[in-house]
Protein backbone atom coordinates (compact mmCIF):
# COMPACT_ATOMS: atom_id res chain seq x y z
CA MET A 1 8.72 6.34 -19.66
CA GLN A 2 7.61 3.13 -18.30
CA GLU A 3 6.79 1.20 -14.84
CA ASN A 4 7.49 -2.25 -13.63
CA ILE A 5 4.66 -3.38 -10.80
CA ILE A 6 5.23 -6.96 -9.11
CA LEU A 7 1.54 -7.33 -7.68
CA ALA A 8 1.42 -9.95 -4.80
CA GLY A 9 -0.96 -11.01 -2.73
CA VAL A 10 -3.04 -14.42 -1.80
CA GLY A 11 -6.62 -15.90 -3.50
CA GLY A 12 -9.25 -13.60 -2.42
CA GLN A 13 -7.46 -10.57 -1.35
CA GLY A 14 -9.12 -8.22 -4.67
CA ILE A 15 -5.46 -8.79 -7.11
CA LEU A 16 -7.95 -8.29 -9.97
CA SER A 17 -9.54 -5.89 -9.08
CA ILE A 18 -6.26 -3.88 -8.26
CA ALA A 19 -5.19 -4.91 -11.97
CA TYR A 20 -8.05 -3.52 -13.60
CA VAL A 21 -8.41 0.20 -12.02
CA VAL A 22 -3.90 0.26 -12.91
CA ASP A 23 -5.01 -0.87 -16.28
CA ASN A 24 -7.41 0.77 -17.62
CA ALA A 25 -6.26 4.16 -15.67
CA ALA A 26 -2.37 3.91 -17.31
CA LEU A 27 -4.85 2.65 -20.61
CA ASP A 28 -6.55 6.10 -20.11
CA ALA A 29 -3.33 8.38 -19.86
CA GLY A 30 -1.79 7.16 -23.92
CA LEU A 31 0.49 5.03 -22.44
CA GLN A 32 1.39 0.97 -23.34
CA PHE A 33 0.36 -1.55 -21.14
CA LYS A 34 1.03 -5.20 -21.11
CA GLN A 35 -0.29 -7.49 -18.60
CA ALA A 36 0.99 -11.08 -17.29
CA GLU A 37 -1.01 -13.35 -16.83
CA VAL A 38 -3.39 -13.64 -12.99
CA HIS A 39 -1.10 -16.38 -11.80
CA GLY A 40 -3.17 -18.59 -8.38
CA MET A 41 -6.70 -16.80 -8.75
CA SER A 42 -8.53 -19.46 -8.64
CA GLN A 43 -6.80 -21.53 -5.15
CA ARG A 44 -9.03 -18.73 -2.10
CA GLY A 45 -6.12 -18.40 0.07
CA GLY A 46 -3.18 -19.30 -2.17
CA ALA A 47 -0.12 -17.41 -3.47
CA VAL A 48 -1.58 -14.65 -6.59
CA GLN A 49 0.68 -12.57 -8.54
CA SER A 50 1.25 -10.57 -11.74
CA HIS A 51 2.93 -8.77 -13.73
CA LEU A 52 2.11 -5.24 -14.34
CA ARG A 53 4.14 -2.98 -17.35
CA TYR A 54 3.19 0.63 -19.08
CA SER A 55 5.04 2.62 -21.07
CA ASP A 56 5.24 5.77 -23.01
CA GLN A 57 6.72 3.50 -25.50
CA PRO A 58 6.64 0.45 -26.88
CA ILE A 59 6.96 -3.11 -24.88
CA HIS A 60 7.95 -6.56 -26.16
CA SER A 61 7.39 -8.22 -23.07
CA ASP A 62 4.51 -9.08 -21.02
CA LEU A 63 7.26 -10.72 -18.36
CA ILE A 64 9.25 -8.30 -15.77
CA PRO A 65 13.35 -9.46 -16.08
CA LEU A 66 14.90 -9.51 -12.58
CA GLY A 67 15.90 -7.14 -10.77
CA ARG A 68 13.75 -4.73 -13.11
CA ALA A 69 10.85 -4.10 -10.78
CA ASP A 70 10.08 -0.25 -9.80
CA MET A 71 7.47 -2.76 -7.42
CA VAL A 72 6.43 -4.61 -5.40
CA LEU A 73 3.27 -3.83 -5.02
CA SER A 74 1.58 -6.62 -2.09
CA VAL A 75 -1.60 -7.11 -0.46
CA GLU A 76 0.06 -9.81 1.92
CA PRO A 77 3.22 -8.97 4.23
CA LEU A 78 4.79 -12.11 4.07
CA GLU A 79 4.18 -12.38 0.40
CA VAL A 80 7.32 -9.92 -0.55
CA LEU A 81 9.08 -11.64 0.51
CA ARG A 82 8.48 -14.01 -2.85
CA TYR A 83 9.51 -11.41 -5.22
CA TRP A 84 11.82 -9.42 -3.96
CA HIS A 85 14.07 -10.24 -6.03
CA TYR A 86 12.36 -8.62 -8.77
CA LEU A 87 13.41 -4.75 -7.59
CA ALA A 88 15.58 -3.11 -8.75
CA PRO A 89 17.85 -1.77 -6.78
CA ASP A 90 15.91 1.77 -6.33
CA GLY A 91 12.23 -0.33 -6.36
CA TRP A 92 9.49 -0.01 -4.26
CA VAL A 93 8.48 -2.09 -2.06
CA VAL A 94 4.39 -1.13 -0.27
CA THR A 95 2.47 -3.59 1.58
CA SER A 96 -0.07 -4.27 3.50
CA VAL A 97 1.13 -5.78 6.98
CA THR A 98 -2.21 -7.26 8.13
CA PRO A 99 -0.84 -10.55 7.29
CA TYR A 100 -3.08 -13.75 5.35
CA VAL A 101 -1.95 -16.58 7.89
CA ASN A 102 -2.66 -19.60 5.08
CA ILE A 103 -0.19 -21.58 6.11
CA PRO A 104 0.79 -23.58 9.21
CA ASP A 105 4.77 -22.88 9.37
CA TYR A 106 3.54 -18.41 9.05
CA PRO A 107 6.23 -16.68 10.90
CA PRO A 108 5.51 -14.33 14.06
CA ILE A 109 4.56 -11.11 12.18
CA ASP A 110 6.92 -9.28 14.76
CA ASP A 111 10.23 -11.05 12.20
CA LEU A 112 8.30 -10.80 9.62
CA LEU A 113 8.44 -6.84 10.27
CA GLU A 114 11.89 -6.58 10.76
CA GLU A 115 12.54 -8.27 8.22
CA LEU A 116 10.27 -5.47 5.81
CA ALA A 117 12.31 -2.88 7.31
CA THR A 118 15.40 -3.74 5.64
CA PHE A 119 14.18 -2.68 2.19
CA ALA A 120 14.87 1.37 1.70
CA ASN A 121 11.87 2.00 -0.14
CA LEU A 122 9.13 1.29 1.95
CA VAL A 123 5.71 1.35 2.27
CA LEU A 124 3.91 -0.33 5.17
CA VAL A 125 0.05 0.55 5.79
CA ASP A 126 -2.35 -1.50 7.64
CA ALA A 127 -5.13 -2.80 5.18
CA GLY A 128 -6.72 -3.95 7.95
CA GLN A 129 -7.15 -1.15 10.33
CA VAL A 130 -7.51 1.23 7.32
CA ALA A 131 -10.30 -0.36 5.62
CA ARG A 132 -12.67 -1.00 8.80
CA ALA A 133 -12.21 2.69 9.47
CA ALA A 134 -13.38 3.15 5.83
CA GLY A 135 -16.36 1.15 6.33
CA ASN A 136 -15.40 -3.11 4.75
CA MET A 137 -12.63 -4.70 5.83
CA ARG A 138 -12.48 -5.54 2.08
CA ALA A 139 -11.16 -2.89 0.49
CA GLN A 140 -7.46 -3.93 1.47
CA ASN A 141 -6.62 -3.67 -1.71
CA MET A 142 -7.91 -0.65 -2.53
CA VAL A 143 -6.31 0.60 0.54
CA VAL A 144 -3.41 -0.93 -0.07
CA LEU A 145 -3.75 0.70 -4.01
CA GLY A 146 -4.26 4.28 -2.14
CA ALA A 147 -0.94 3.75 -0.48
CA ALA A 148 0.67 2.89 -3.77
CA SER A 149 -0.51 5.65 -6.02
CA ASN A 150 2.35 8.88 -4.23
CA GLN A 151 4.55 6.11 -6.25
CA ILE A 152 3.67 5.48 -9.52
CA GLU A 153 3.12 7.83 -12.36
CA LEU A 154 -0.05 7.86 -12.58
CA THR A 155 -2.31 10.55 -11.03
CA GLU A 156 -5.12 10.20 -8.41
CA ASP A 157 -8.46 11.33 -10.01
CA GLN A 158 -7.33 8.45 -13.53
CA LEU A 159 -6.80 5.81 -10.69
CA LEU A 160 -10.43 7.15 -9.04
CA LYS A 161 -12.17 7.21 -11.44
CA HIS A 162 -11.88 3.14 -12.75
CA VAL A 163 -11.90 2.56 -8.63
CA GLU A 164 -15.63 4.09 -9.46
CA THR A 165 -15.90 2.21 -12.63
CA LEU A 166 -15.19 -0.69 -11.35
CA PHE A 167 -17.34 -1.16 -8.11
CA LEU A 168 -20.37 -0.16 -9.98
CA ARG A 169 -22.56 -2.07 -10.72
CA LYS A 170 -22.75 -2.78 -7.28
CA GLY A 171 -23.98 0.30 -5.81
CA GLU A 172 -23.47 4.29 -5.34
CA LYS A 173 -22.69 2.63 -1.46
CA VAL A 174 -19.91 0.14 -2.86
CA VAL A 175 -18.73 2.95 -4.48
CA GLU A 176 -17.86 5.43 -2.27
CA VAL A 177 -16.53 2.99 0.75
CA ASN A 178 -13.72 1.44 -1.93
CA ARG A 179 -12.77 5.83 -2.84
CA ARG A 180 -12.45 6.16 0.72
CA ALA A 181 -10.42 3.23 1.09
CA PHE A 182 -8.22 4.24 -1.18
CA SER A 183 -8.34 8.22 -0.44
CA PHE A 184 -7.35 6.61 2.82
CA GLY A 185 -3.95 4.68 1.31
CA ARG A 186 -3.06 7.73 -0.24
CA ALA A 187 -3.55 9.84 3.17
CA VAL A 188 -1.37 7.09 4.92
CA GLY A 189 0.66 6.19 2.26
CA GLY A 190 2.58 10.05 2.25
CA PHE A 191 2.06 10.26 5.73
CA TYR A 192 4.00 7.66 6.40
CA ARG A 193 6.31 8.34 3.80
CA GLY A 194 6.49 11.99 5.71
CA LEU A 195 7.84 10.14 8.81
CA ASN A 196 10.55 8.15 7.48
CA ASP A 197 12.34 10.75 5.04
CA ARG A 198 12.47 12.89 8.29
CA GLY A 199 13.92 10.12 10.16
CA VAL A 200 12.19 8.03 11.94
CA GLY A 201 12.24 4.35 11.27
CA PRO A 202 9.97 2.05 9.85
CA LEU A 203 8.80 -0.02 11.77
CA GLU A 204 7.97 3.46 14.76
CA ALA A 205 6.32 4.90 11.42
CA LEU A 206 4.32 1.50 10.92
CA ALA A 207 3.60 1.90 14.73
CA LEU A 208 2.61 5.61 14.37
CA CYS A 209 0.53 4.92 11.72
CA ARG A 210 -1.50 2.44 13.24
CA ARG A 211 -2.81 5.33 16.60
CA LEU A 212 -4.19 7.85 14.60
CA ASP A 213 -7.61 7.97 13.59
CA PRO A 214 -7.04 7.07 9.51
CA ALA A 215 -9.50 9.21 8.88
CA SER A 216 -8.00 11.77 10.08
CA ILE A 217 -4.14 11.87 8.69
CA ASP A 218 -2.44 14.09 6.43
CA PRO A 219 0.89 13.77 5.17
CA VAL A 220 1.15 17.79 6.49
CA HIS A 221 1.62 16.93 9.36
CA ALA A 222 4.62 14.63 9.04
CA GLU A 223 6.84 17.25 9.87
CA ALA A 224 5.33 17.59 13.24
CA TRP A 225 5.38 14.21 14.42
CA ALA A 226 8.37 13.83 13.11
CA SER A 227 9.93 16.57 15.01
CA PHE A 228 7.42 15.19 17.91
CA ALA A 229 9.87 11.94 17.37
CA ALA A 230 13.46 13.11 17.42
CA ALA A 231 12.08 16.18 20.27
CA GLU A 232 10.01 13.33 22.85
CA PRO A 233 10.88 10.15 22.41
CA ASN A 234 9.24 9.57 25.32
CA LYS A 235 6.37 10.83 25.23
CA LEU A 236 6.03 8.92 21.53
CA ARG A 237 6.15 6.06 23.39
CA GLU A 238 3.83 6.62 25.43
CA ILE A 239 1.36 7.63 22.97
CA LEU A 240 2.02 4.51 21.31
CA ALA A 241 2.36 3.02 24.11
CA GLY A 242 -1.80 4.47 23.99
CA ASP A 243 -5.72 3.19 23.68
CA GLY A 244 -7.95 4.18 20.93
CA ALA A 245 -7.20 5.95 17.96
CA ILE A 246 -6.12 10.02 18.46
CA ALA A 247 -6.52 12.56 15.33
CA CYS A 248 -3.65 13.27 13.54
CA ASP A 249 -3.30 16.88 14.13
CA GLN A 250 -3.60 16.73 17.36
CA VAL A 251 0.80 16.79 17.32
CA THR A 252 0.66 20.81 18.22
CA ALA A 253 -1.24 19.90 20.93
CA LEU A 254 1.14 17.56 22.68
CA ALA A 255 4.21 19.08 21.88
């Protein structure tokens, strides 16, 4: 078993924190691990990227070859396009859609989302919305890590252990916020894939995830929502156009 992950974002988004959690979870699992230098971390708002590699066999290089990444995990949507060429044919893109507008010619977000929607294996998560629901906008990195955790070999418990360790010195309240951000992200990611796997398009699935209360999202309801989307497309459009969050389990009452 080997997994290769390109970790991307911009300075100040907590990329090193994601790397710490994945690194230590892999080591606890008894795996070999290599991480390339994290480039760009000294410039707040500048591009940041690192190569994470773990395996049950020896790893001979810190760097992931082009076309061999199992995942591009990004806390900033535009940064995905900087590294997509590293993806293997069956590789995953897991990214926040909350933009960090750090350049004057940042593309319109709708155009960027249309571009991201072309990837076959995809999880889009509004990390800003989910982190706010978890209690702190700065926890967006843990939201995205949670969303990605469904697609990697490391277990939820292995990852959460090091989320707790990472934030312990900041106090129990901060630990709990980041645990919650990870758990909400994991649920949203699983729900998103459940919708997508059942025929709901990537952007429609994102719109539905944004309409639901992040604290209520449970992948178990994905099948019911996908059936509702297929049977009642006009009702679904009305729901997506509405205001305020609704509970994920309300689908049975809406159908």
